[in-house]
Amino acid sequence: MIMMESAAAPLAPDWHVAQWFNSSSPLDLESLRGKVVALHAFQMLCPGCVMNSLPQAQRIAENFDPGDLAVIGIHTVFEHNEVMTTQALAVFIREFRLTFPVGVDLPGAGPIPKTMAAYGMQGTPTLVLIDHRGRLHKHTFGTEDDIRVGADIGLLLAERERSDAQ
């Protein structure tokens, strides 16, 4: 897990998305500026994603104000490419009742998709927290307890409120 201090936090890289689900238009970090972003990278065939990180992402989406926090899923496929089609993903999203926007990561030059490579992700699930200014604050490979993630989001939301008050 990487957690960065505000002053040292770099800008989060752009996303490279081929298609969006649960969004009427393409999303990017610039359009979400002013909100905290919880980015969940996943694969449909990843047990840790299905059992832990996607349910956590859905709980976050349901429990935080969407005016303050955007939950974004990135389906980033680096294995089993032939079975994880966009048609299968559409069914998966519907069956698992995911309500937050989900983007399909663009393939890269090698086996690692573009957004996954841009963020230096080691695999899935990966959680990335981005502050209201678009700065990268947390990058976690694997799963993390809801209370810890909620506390980290709360800190970023409090920082956002402090900066709005100034």
N, C-alpha and C. Protein backbone atom coordinates (compact mmCIF):
# COMPACT_ATOMS: atom_id res chain seq x y z
N MET A 1 0.84 -1.18 0.00
CA MET A 1 0.00 0.00 0.00
C MET A 1 0.88 1.24 0.00
N ILE A 2 0.48 2.20 -0.80
CA ILE A 2 1.16 3.49 -0.84
C ILE A 2 0.15 4.56 -0.46
N MET A 3 0.47 5.36 0.55
CA MET A 3 -0.36 6.50 0.93
C MET A 3 0.56 7.70 0.90
N MET A 4 0.17 8.75 0.20
CA MET A 4 1.06 9.89 0.00
C MET A 4 0.53 11.12 0.72
N GLU A 5 1.46 11.94 1.17
CA GLU A 5 1.11 13.23 1.76
C GLU A 5 0.66 14.18 0.66
N SER A 6 -0.21 15.12 0.98
CA SER A 6 -0.78 16.02 -0.01
C SER A 6 0.27 16.76 -0.83
N ALA A 7 1.25 17.32 -0.18
CA ALA A 7 2.24 18.13 -0.89
C ALA A 7 3.08 17.29 -1.85
N ALA A 8 3.31 16.02 -1.53
CA ALA A 8 4.16 15.17 -2.35
C ALA A 8 3.39 14.35 -3.36
N ALA A 9 2.07 14.39 -3.32
CA ALA A 9 1.27 13.52 -4.18
C ALA A 9 1.32 13.99 -5.63
N PRO A 10 1.68 13.07 -6.55
CA PRO A 10 1.69 13.43 -7.98
C PRO A 10 0.28 13.42 -8.55
N LEU A 11 0.10 14.07 -9.69
CA LEU A 11 -1.18 14.00 -10.39
C LEU A 11 -1.42 12.57 -10.84
N ALA A 12 -2.65 12.12 -10.74
CA ALA A 12 -3.01 10.78 -11.19
C ALA A 12 -2.96 10.74 -12.71
N PRO A 13 -2.49 9.64 -13.29
CA PRO A 13 -2.47 9.52 -14.75
C PRO A 13 -3.88 9.46 -15.33
N ASP A 14 -3.99 9.83 -16.59
CA ASP A 14 -5.27 9.71 -17.29
C ASP A 14 -5.66 8.25 -17.44
N TRP A 15 -6.94 8.01 -17.66
CA TRP A 15 -7.44 6.66 -17.92
C TRP A 15 -7.49 6.46 -19.42
N HIS A 16 -7.33 5.22 -19.84
CA HIS A 16 -7.39 4.85 -21.25
C HIS A 16 -8.51 3.84 -21.40
N VAL A 17 -9.70 4.33 -21.75
CA VAL A 17 -10.90 3.51 -21.71
C VAL A 17 -11.49 3.35 -23.11
N ALA A 18 -11.79 2.10 -23.46
CA ALA A 18 -12.39 1.79 -24.75
C ALA A 18 -13.90 1.97 -24.74
N GLN A 19 -14.53 1.69 -23.60
CA GLN A 19 -15.99 1.73 -23.51
C GLN A 19 -16.39 1.94 -22.05
N TRP A 20 -17.51 2.65 -21.85
CA TRP A 20 -18.04 2.88 -20.51
C TRP A 20 -19.37 2.19 -20.32
N PHE A 21 -19.60 1.68 -19.13
CA PHE A 21 -20.89 1.15 -18.70
C PHE A 21 -21.36 2.00 -17.53
N ASN A 22 -22.67 2.12 -17.35
CA ASN A 22 -23.28 2.89 -16.26
C ASN A 22 -22.89 4.37 -16.29
N SER A 23 -22.62 4.87 -17.47
CA SER A 23 -22.30 6.30 -17.64
C SER A 23 -22.84 6.74 -19.00
N SER A 24 -23.52 7.86 -19.03
CA SER A 24 -24.09 8.35 -20.28
C SER A 24 -23.04 8.99 -21.19
N SER A 25 -21.87 9.30 -20.63
CA SER A 25 -20.80 9.89 -21.43
C SER A 25 -19.45 9.43 -20.88
N PRO A 26 -18.40 9.55 -21.69
CA PRO A 26 -17.07 9.16 -21.21
C PRO A 26 -16.66 10.01 -20.00
N LEU A 27 -15.92 9.39 -19.10
CA LEU A 27 -15.44 10.07 -17.89
C LEU A 27 -13.93 10.20 -17.95
N ASP A 28 -13.43 11.28 -17.38
CA ASP A 28 -11.99 11.45 -17.20
C ASP A 28 -11.76 12.21 -15.91
N LEU A 29 -10.51 12.24 -15.49
CA LEU A 29 -10.20 12.90 -14.22
C LEU A 29 -10.53 14.38 -14.23
N GLU A 30 -10.34 15.02 -15.36
CA GLU A 30 -10.62 16.45 -15.44
C GLU A 30 -12.11 16.72 -15.17
N SER A 31 -12.99 15.88 -15.72
CA SER A 31 -14.43 16.08 -15.52
C SER A 31 -14.85 15.79 -14.07
N LEU A 32 -14.02 15.07 -13.33
CA LEU A 32 -14.33 14.74 -11.93
C LEU A 32 -13.59 15.63 -10.93
N ARG A 33 -12.83 16.60 -11.44
CA ARG A 33 -12.10 17.50 -10.56
C ARG A 33 -13.06 18.16 -9.59
N GLY A 34 -12.66 18.23 -8.34
CA GLY A 34 -13.51 18.76 -7.28
C GLY A 34 -14.11 17.65 -6.42
N LYS A 35 -14.06 16.42 -6.94
CA LYS A 35 -14.54 15.26 -6.18
C LYS A 35 -13.36 14.37 -5.82
N VAL A 36 -13.51 13.63 -4.75
CA VAL A 36 -12.58 12.55 -4.44
C VAL A 36 -12.99 11.38 -5.33
N VAL A 37 -12.00 10.63 -5.82
CA VAL A 37 -12.27 9.50 -6.72
C VAL A 37 -11.73 8.22 -6.08
N ALA A 38 -12.59 7.20 -6.02
CA ALA A 38 -12.18 5.86 -5.60
C ALA A 38 -12.19 5.00 -6.86
N LEU A 39 -11.02 4.66 -7.35
CA LEU A 39 -10.86 3.88 -8.57
C LEU A 39 -10.59 2.43 -8.20
N HIS A 40 -11.46 1.53 -8.63
CA HIS A 40 -11.31 0.10 -8.35
C HIS A 40 -10.99 -0.61 -9.65
N ALA A 41 -9.77 -1.14 -9.77
CA ALA A 41 -9.39 -1.93 -10.94
C ALA A 41 -9.70 -3.40 -10.64
N PHE A 42 -10.34 -4.07 -11.61
CA PHE A 42 -10.78 -5.44 -11.37
C PHE A 42 -10.81 -6.24 -12.67
N GLN A 43 -10.98 -7.55 -12.50
CA GLN A 43 -11.26 -8.48 -13.59
C GLN A 43 -12.44 -9.34 -13.16
N MET A 44 -13.28 -9.71 -14.11
CA MET A 44 -14.45 -10.54 -13.79
C MET A 44 -14.07 -11.89 -13.20
N LEU A 45 -12.93 -12.45 -13.61
CA LEU A 45 -12.53 -13.78 -13.17
C LEU A 45 -11.56 -13.75 -11.99
N CYS A 46 -11.45 -12.63 -11.34
CA CYS A 46 -10.56 -12.48 -10.18
C CYS A 46 -11.38 -12.73 -8.91
N PRO A 47 -11.10 -13.82 -8.18
CA PRO A 47 -11.89 -14.11 -6.97
C PRO A 47 -11.86 -12.98 -5.93
N GLY A 48 -10.72 -12.36 -5.70
CA GLY A 48 -10.64 -11.26 -4.74
C GLY A 48 -11.48 -10.06 -5.16
N CYS A 49 -11.60 -9.86 -6.47
CA CYS A 49 -12.42 -8.77 -6.98
C CYS A 49 -13.90 -9.06 -6.75
N VAL A 50 -14.32 -10.27 -7.15
CA VAL A 50 -15.73 -10.65 -7.06
C VAL A 50 -16.19 -10.74 -5.62
N MET A 51 -15.36 -11.31 -4.75
CA MET A 51 -15.77 -11.54 -3.37
C MET A 51 -15.58 -10.33 -2.47
N ASN A 52 -14.59 -9.49 -2.77
CA ASN A 52 -14.25 -8.41 -1.84
C ASN A 52 -14.30 -7.01 -2.43
N SER A 53 -13.49 -6.73 -3.44
CA SER A 53 -13.33 -5.33 -3.86
C SER A 53 -14.55 -4.77 -4.57
N LEU A 54 -15.22 -5.54 -5.42
CA LEU A 54 -16.42 -5.00 -6.09
C LEU A 54 -17.57 -4.78 -5.12
N PRO A 55 -17.85 -5.71 -4.19
CA PRO A 55 -18.86 -5.40 -3.18
C PRO A 55 -18.48 -4.17 -2.34
N GLN A 56 -17.19 -4.02 -2.04
CA GLN A 56 -16.75 -2.85 -1.30
C GLN A 56 -16.99 -1.58 -2.12
N ALA A 57 -16.65 -1.60 -3.40
CA ALA A 57 -16.87 -0.44 -4.26
C ALA A 57 -18.34 -0.08 -4.31
N GLN A 58 -19.22 -1.08 -4.39
CA GLN A 58 -20.65 -0.82 -4.41
C GLN A 58 -21.12 -0.21 -3.08
N ARG A 59 -20.60 -0.72 -1.97
CA ARG A 59 -20.95 -0.14 -0.66
C ARG A 59 -20.49 1.32 -0.58
N ILE A 60 -19.30 1.60 -1.07
CA ILE A 60 -18.80 2.99 -1.06
C ILE A 60 -19.73 3.87 -1.88
N ALA A 61 -20.10 3.39 -3.08
CA ALA A 61 -20.99 4.16 -3.96
C ALA A 61 -22.34 4.43 -3.29
N GLU A 62 -22.83 3.48 -2.51
CA GLU A 62 -24.12 3.63 -1.86
C GLU A 62 -24.07 4.49 -0.60
N ASN A 63 -22.91 4.60 0.03
CA ASN A 63 -22.84 5.26 1.34
C ASN A 63 -22.20 6.65 1.34
N PHE A 64 -21.62 7.06 0.22
CA PHE A 64 -21.05 8.40 0.14
C PHE A 64 -21.83 9.21 -0.88
N ASP A 65 -21.90 10.51 -0.65
CA ASP A 65 -22.61 11.42 -1.54
C ASP A 65 -21.88 11.48 -2.88
N PRO A 66 -22.58 11.16 -4.00
CA PRO A 66 -21.92 11.20 -5.31
C PRO A 66 -21.48 12.62 -5.72
N GLY A 67 -21.98 13.63 -5.03
CA GLY A 67 -21.50 14.99 -5.27
C GLY A 67 -20.12 15.22 -4.69
N ASP A 68 -19.71 14.37 -3.75
CA ASP A 68 -18.41 14.50 -3.09
C ASP A 68 -17.41 13.45 -3.55
N LEU A 69 -17.91 12.25 -3.87
CA LEU A 69 -17.04 11.11 -4.16
C LEU A 69 -17.55 10.37 -5.40
N ALA A 70 -16.66 10.12 -6.33
CA ALA A 70 -16.98 9.32 -7.52
C ALA A 70 -16.32 7.95 -7.37
N VAL A 71 -17.12 6.90 -7.49
CA VAL A 71 -16.60 5.54 -7.52
C VAL A 71 -16.54 5.12 -8.98
N ILE A 72 -15.36 4.69 -9.41
CA ILE A 72 -15.14 4.30 -10.80
C ILE A 72 -14.52 2.91 -10.82
N GLY A 73 -15.06 2.04 -11.65
CA GLY A 73 -14.47 0.73 -11.87
C GLY A 73 -13.71 0.73 -13.18
N ILE A 74 -12.58 0.06 -13.20
CA ILE A 74 -11.81 -0.13 -14.44
C ILE A 74 -11.62 -1.64 -14.61
N HIS A 75 -12.24 -2.17 -15.65
CA HIS A 75 -12.06 -3.60 -15.95
C HIS A 75 -10.78 -3.70 -16.78
N THR A 76 -9.74 -4.20 -16.15
CA THR A 76 -8.41 -4.25 -16.76
C THR A 76 -7.99 -5.70 -16.93
N VAL A 77 -8.00 -6.17 -18.16
CA VAL A 77 -7.79 -7.59 -18.46
C VAL A 77 -6.36 -7.84 -18.92
N PHE A 78 -5.63 -8.61 -18.12
CA PHE A 78 -4.26 -8.97 -18.49
C PHE A 78 -4.07 -10.48 -18.60
N GLU A 79 -5.16 -11.22 -18.44
CA GLU A 79 -5.14 -12.67 -18.61
C GLU A 79 -6.55 -13.13 -18.99
N HIS A 80 -6.68 -14.27 -19.60
CA HIS A 80 -7.97 -14.81 -20.04
C HIS A 80 -8.72 -13.84 -20.94
N ASN A 81 -7.98 -13.12 -21.79
CA ASN A 81 -8.57 -12.07 -22.63
C ASN A 81 -9.72 -12.57 -23.49
N GLU A 82 -9.61 -13.81 -23.98
CA GLU A 82 -10.60 -14.32 -24.93
C GLU A 82 -11.98 -14.52 -24.31
N VAL A 83 -12.09 -14.69 -23.03
CA VAL A 83 -13.40 -14.91 -22.40
C VAL A 83 -13.97 -13.66 -21.73
N MET A 84 -13.15 -12.67 -21.50
CA MET A 84 -13.63 -11.47 -20.80
C MET A 84 -13.98 -10.38 -21.82
N THR A 85 -15.02 -10.63 -22.59
CA THR A 85 -15.47 -9.71 -23.62
C THR A 85 -16.34 -8.60 -23.01
N THR A 86 -16.60 -7.57 -23.79
CA THR A 86 -17.48 -6.50 -23.30
C THR A 86 -18.91 -7.00 -23.12
N GLN A 87 -19.32 -7.99 -23.94
CA GLN A 87 -20.65 -8.57 -23.78
C GLN A 87 -20.74 -9.31 -22.43
N ALA A 88 -19.71 -10.07 -22.11
CA ALA A 88 -19.68 -10.77 -20.82
C ALA A 88 -19.64 -9.77 -19.67
N LEU A 89 -18.89 -8.68 -19.84
CA LEU A 89 -18.81 -7.66 -18.80
C LEU A 89 -20.16 -7.00 -18.57
N ALA A 90 -20.89 -6.73 -19.64
CA ALA A 90 -22.22 -6.12 -19.51
C ALA A 90 -23.14 -7.01 -18.66
N VAL A 91 -23.10 -8.31 -18.91
CA VAL A 91 -23.91 -9.26 -18.12
C VAL A 91 -23.42 -9.29 -16.67
N PHE A 92 -22.11 -9.32 -16.49
CA PHE A 92 -21.52 -9.34 -15.15
C PHE A 92 -21.96 -8.12 -14.35
N ILE A 93 -21.89 -6.94 -14.94
CA ILE A 93 -22.28 -5.70 -14.26
C ILE A 93 -23.75 -5.76 -13.85
N ARG A 94 -24.59 -6.24 -14.75
CA ARG A 94 -26.02 -6.34 -14.45
C ARG A 94 -26.28 -7.39 -13.36
N GLU A 95 -25.66 -8.57 -13.47
CA GLU A 95 -25.89 -9.64 -12.50
C GLU A 95 -25.39 -9.29 -11.10
N PHE A 96 -24.29 -8.56 -11.03
CA PHE A 96 -23.74 -8.17 -9.73
C PHE A 96 -24.30 -6.83 -9.25
N ARG A 97 -25.20 -6.26 -10.02
CA ARG A 97 -25.90 -5.02 -9.68
C ARG A 97 -24.95 -3.87 -9.35
N LEU A 98 -23.93 -3.73 -10.16
CA LEU A 98 -22.99 -2.63 -9.99
C LEU A 98 -23.62 -1.38 -10.57
N THR A 99 -23.70 -0.33 -9.79
CA THR A 99 -24.36 0.90 -10.23
C THR A 99 -23.38 2.02 -10.59
N PHE A 100 -22.12 1.87 -10.22
CA PHE A 100 -21.13 2.91 -10.50
C PHE A 100 -20.58 2.74 -11.92
N PRO A 101 -20.02 3.80 -12.51
CA PRO A 101 -19.46 3.70 -13.86
C PRO A 101 -18.29 2.70 -13.91
N VAL A 102 -18.25 1.94 -14.99
CA VAL A 102 -17.19 0.96 -15.21
C VAL A 102 -16.63 1.19 -16.61
N GLY A 103 -15.33 1.40 -16.68
CA GLY A 103 -14.64 1.56 -17.95
C GLY A 103 -13.87 0.31 -18.30
N VAL A 104 -13.73 0.06 -19.61
CA VAL A 104 -12.96 -1.07 -20.10
C VAL A 104 -11.57 -0.55 -20.49
N ASP A 105 -10.56 -0.99 -19.78
CA ASP A 105 -9.18 -0.56 -20.04
C ASP A 105 -8.75 -0.95 -21.45
N LEU A 106 -8.11 -0.03 -22.15
CA LEU A 106 -7.61 -0.31 -23.50
C LEU A 106 -6.42 -1.26 -23.45
N PRO A 107 -6.35 -2.19 -24.40
CA PRO A 107 -5.18 -3.07 -24.45
C PRO A 107 -3.90 -2.26 -24.66
N GLY A 108 -2.81 -2.76 -24.09
CA GLY A 108 -1.51 -2.12 -24.28
C GLY A 108 -0.73 -2.81 -25.38
N ALA A 109 0.51 -2.42 -25.54
CA ALA A 109 1.37 -3.03 -26.56
C ALA A 109 1.69 -4.48 -26.20
N GLY A 110 1.76 -4.79 -24.91
CA GLY A 110 2.02 -6.15 -24.44
C GLY A 110 0.80 -6.67 -23.71
N PRO A 111 0.99 -7.52 -22.73
CA PRO A 111 -0.15 -8.09 -22.02
C PRO A 111 -0.82 -7.15 -21.01
N ILE A 112 -0.15 -6.07 -20.66
CA ILE A 112 -0.68 -5.15 -19.63
C ILE A 112 -1.48 -4.03 -20.29
N PRO A 113 -2.77 -3.86 -19.93
CA PRO A 113 -3.58 -2.78 -20.48
C PRO A 113 -3.02 -1.39 -20.13
N LYS A 114 -3.44 -0.39 -20.89
CA LYS A 114 -2.85 0.96 -20.79
C LYS A 114 -3.05 1.64 -19.44
N THR A 115 -4.25 1.62 -18.88
CA THR A 115 -4.46 2.29 -17.59
C THR A 115 -3.71 1.54 -16.49
N MET A 116 -3.75 0.24 -16.55
CA MET A 116 -3.02 -0.58 -15.57
C MET A 116 -1.53 -0.24 -15.60
N ALA A 117 -0.97 -0.10 -16.78
CA ALA A 117 0.45 0.26 -16.93
C ALA A 117 0.71 1.68 -16.44
N ALA A 118 -0.18 2.62 -16.80
CA ALA A 118 0.01 4.02 -16.41
C ALA A 118 0.06 4.18 -14.89
N TYR A 119 -0.71 3.36 -14.17
CA TYR A 119 -0.75 3.43 -12.70
C TYR A 119 0.25 2.50 -12.04
N GLY A 120 0.96 1.68 -12.82
CA GLY A 120 1.92 0.74 -12.25
C GLY A 120 1.25 -0.31 -11.38
N MET A 121 0.06 -0.74 -11.77
CA MET A 121 -0.67 -1.74 -10.99
C MET A 121 0.02 -3.10 -11.11
N GLN A 122 0.03 -3.83 -9.99
CA GLN A 122 0.64 -5.15 -9.94
C GLN A 122 -0.35 -6.25 -10.31
N GLY A 123 -1.62 -5.96 -10.28
CA GLY A 123 -2.66 -6.93 -10.58
C GLY A 123 -3.99 -6.42 -10.07
N THR A 124 -4.93 -7.35 -9.93
CA THR A 124 -6.25 -6.99 -9.43
C THR A 124 -6.58 -7.86 -8.23
N PRO A 125 -7.35 -7.31 -7.30
CA PRO A 125 -7.93 -5.97 -7.28
C PRO A 125 -6.90 -4.92 -6.86
N THR A 126 -7.10 -3.73 -7.37
CA THR A 126 -6.30 -2.57 -6.98
C THR A 126 -7.25 -1.41 -6.68
N LEU A 127 -7.01 -0.75 -5.57
CA LEU A 127 -7.77 0.45 -5.18
C LEU A 127 -6.84 1.64 -5.27
N VAL A 128 -7.32 2.70 -5.93
CA VAL A 128 -6.58 3.96 -6.02
C VAL A 128 -7.50 5.06 -5.53
N LEU A 129 -7.01 5.88 -4.60
CA LEU A 129 -7.75 7.05 -4.14
C LEU A 129 -7.08 8.30 -4.67
N ILE A 130 -7.90 9.17 -5.26
CA ILE A 130 -7.44 10.40 -5.90
C ILE A 130 -8.18 11.56 -5.23
N ASP A 131 -7.43 12.59 -4.85
CA ASP A 131 -8.08 13.71 -4.15
C ASP A 131 -8.82 14.63 -5.12
N HIS A 132 -9.47 15.64 -4.58
CA HIS A 132 -10.31 16.56 -5.35
C HIS A 132 -9.51 17.40 -6.34
N ARG A 133 -8.21 17.44 -6.19
CA ARG A 133 -7.34 18.18 -7.13
C ARG A 133 -6.77 17.27 -8.20
N GLY A 134 -7.11 15.98 -8.16
CA GLY A 134 -6.60 15.04 -9.15
C GLY A 134 -5.27 14.43 -8.78
N ARG A 135 -4.90 14.51 -7.50
CA ARG A 135 -3.62 13.97 -7.04
C ARG A 135 -3.80 12.57 -6.46
N LEU A 136 -2.86 11.72 -6.79
CA LEU A 136 -2.85 10.33 -6.33
C LEU A 136 -2.49 10.27 -4.85
N HIS A 137 -3.34 9.62 -4.04
CA HIS A 137 -3.08 9.54 -2.60
C HIS A 137 -2.89 8.14 -2.08
N LYS A 138 -3.53 7.18 -2.69
CA LYS A 138 -3.43 5.81 -2.18
C LYS A 138 -3.46 4.86 -3.36
N HIS A 139 -2.64 3.83 -3.25
CA HIS A 139 -2.54 2.82 -4.31
C HIS A 139 -2.34 1.48 -3.60
N THR A 140 -3.37 0.64 -3.58
CA THR A 140 -3.32 -0.61 -2.83
C THR A 140 -3.61 -1.79 -3.75
N PHE A 141 -2.71 -2.76 -3.76
CA PHE A 141 -2.94 -4.01 -4.46
C PHE A 141 -3.47 -5.02 -3.45
N GLY A 142 -4.59 -5.66 -3.78
CA GLY A 142 -5.21 -6.60 -2.86
C GLY A 142 -6.43 -5.97 -2.22
N THR A 143 -6.91 -6.59 -1.18
CA THR A 143 -8.11 -6.09 -0.52
C THR A 143 -7.74 -5.44 0.81
N GLU A 144 -8.62 -4.55 1.22
CA GLU A 144 -8.40 -3.82 2.47
C GLU A 144 -9.74 -3.71 3.19
N ASP A 145 -9.70 -3.65 4.49
CA ASP A 145 -10.89 -3.57 5.32
C ASP A 145 -11.70 -2.31 5.00
N ASP A 146 -13.03 -2.44 5.01
CA ASP A 146 -13.92 -1.31 4.75
C ASP A 146 -13.64 -0.12 5.67
N ILE A 147 -13.38 -0.39 6.93
CA ILE A 147 -13.17 0.70 7.89
C ILE A 147 -11.93 1.50 7.51
N ARG A 148 -10.86 0.82 7.13
CA ARG A 148 -9.63 1.50 6.72
C ARG A 148 -9.87 2.35 5.47
N VAL A 149 -10.53 1.77 4.48
CA VAL A 149 -10.81 2.50 3.24
C VAL A 149 -11.73 3.68 3.53
N GLY A 150 -12.76 3.46 4.34
CA GLY A 150 -13.67 4.55 4.70
C GLY A 150 -12.96 5.69 5.41
N ALA A 151 -12.03 5.34 6.30
CA ALA A 151 -11.26 6.36 7.01
C ALA A 151 -10.39 7.16 6.04
N ASP A 152 -9.75 6.47 5.10
CA ASP A 152 -8.92 7.17 4.11
C ASP A 152 -9.76 8.09 3.24
N ILE A 153 -10.93 7.62 2.83
CA ILE A 153 -11.84 8.47 2.04
C ILE A 153 -12.28 9.66 2.88
N GLY A 154 -12.62 9.41 4.12
CA GLY A 154 -13.04 10.50 5.01
C GLY A 154 -11.98 11.57 5.15
N LEU A 155 -10.72 11.17 5.26
CA LEU A 155 -9.62 12.15 5.35
C LEU A 155 -9.55 13.01 4.08
N LEU A 156 -9.69 12.36 2.92
CA LEU A 156 -9.63 13.12 1.66
C LEU A 156 -10.83 14.04 1.52
N LEU A 157 -12.00 13.60 1.98
CA LEU A 157 -13.18 14.47 1.93
C LEU A 157 -13.04 15.65 2.88
N ALA A 158 -12.46 15.42 4.06
CA ALA A 158 -12.23 16.51 5.01
C ALA A 158 -11.23 17.51 4.45
N GLU A 159 -10.21 17.01 3.78
CA GLU A 159 -9.22 17.90 3.14
C GLU A 159 -9.90 18.74 2.06
N ARG A 160 -10.81 18.14 1.32
CA ARG A 160 -11.56 18.85 0.29
C ARG A 160 -12.39 19.97 0.91
N GLU A 161 -13.08 19.66 2.01
CA GLU A 161 -13.89 20.67 2.68
C GLU A 161 -13.04 21.82 3.20
N ARG A 162 -11.86 21.49 3.79
CA ARG A 162 -10.97 22.54 4.30
C ARG A 162 -10.52 23.45 3.15
N SER A 163 -10.19 22.87 2.02
CA SER A 163 -9.70 23.70 0.92
C SER A 163 -10.83 24.53 0.32
N ASP A 164 -12.08 24.00 0.34
CA ASP A 164 -13.23 24.77 -0.14
C ASP A 164 -13.53 25.94 0.78
N ALA A 165 -13.27 25.78 2.08
CA ALA A 165 -13.56 26.82 3.07
C ALA A 165 -12.57 27.98 3.00
N GLN A 166 -11.41 27.73 2.41
CA GLN A 166 -10.37 28.78 2.39
C GLN A 166 -10.57 29.76 1.29
